[in-house]
């Protein structure tokens, strides 16, 4: 991590070999969608996201008691790379991060009248969805 906050840190050995260009980055980044702006307590928020990512890394299969798959290493690695890119670009941190039941990771940004999410599959592919203030939805 090369940001001034350095909250997400460098990838651990378990993420070794994953480069940010291995994800499917066809979609614009969050930094490109929302201009960077000062966020009160941004360092604290990024630190929370880093802790949450570490929690997800330690989940095991059947984490929900219903047979859900643990987040796949590929999904975790792509999530880490995306978060590092977003943080270094000065954008706001996600407001929520959760595992999916099929081994992926879901990131959400909830802001006033706009909602953005990216689902990172167990294979590292990203699907983006944005609900605009006018109620329209963009997906890519």
Foldseek 3Di string as FASTA:
>chain_A
DPAPLCQLPDDDPLLPPDDLVVAPPPDDAQCVVDPADDDVPQSVVSNVVSVVLVVLVPQQACNVVPGFHRAASLQSNNVSSSQVVCVRSRHGAFPDKDADSQRHIKTWHDDDQKIKMWIQGSNRYIKIWIQDNVRDIDID
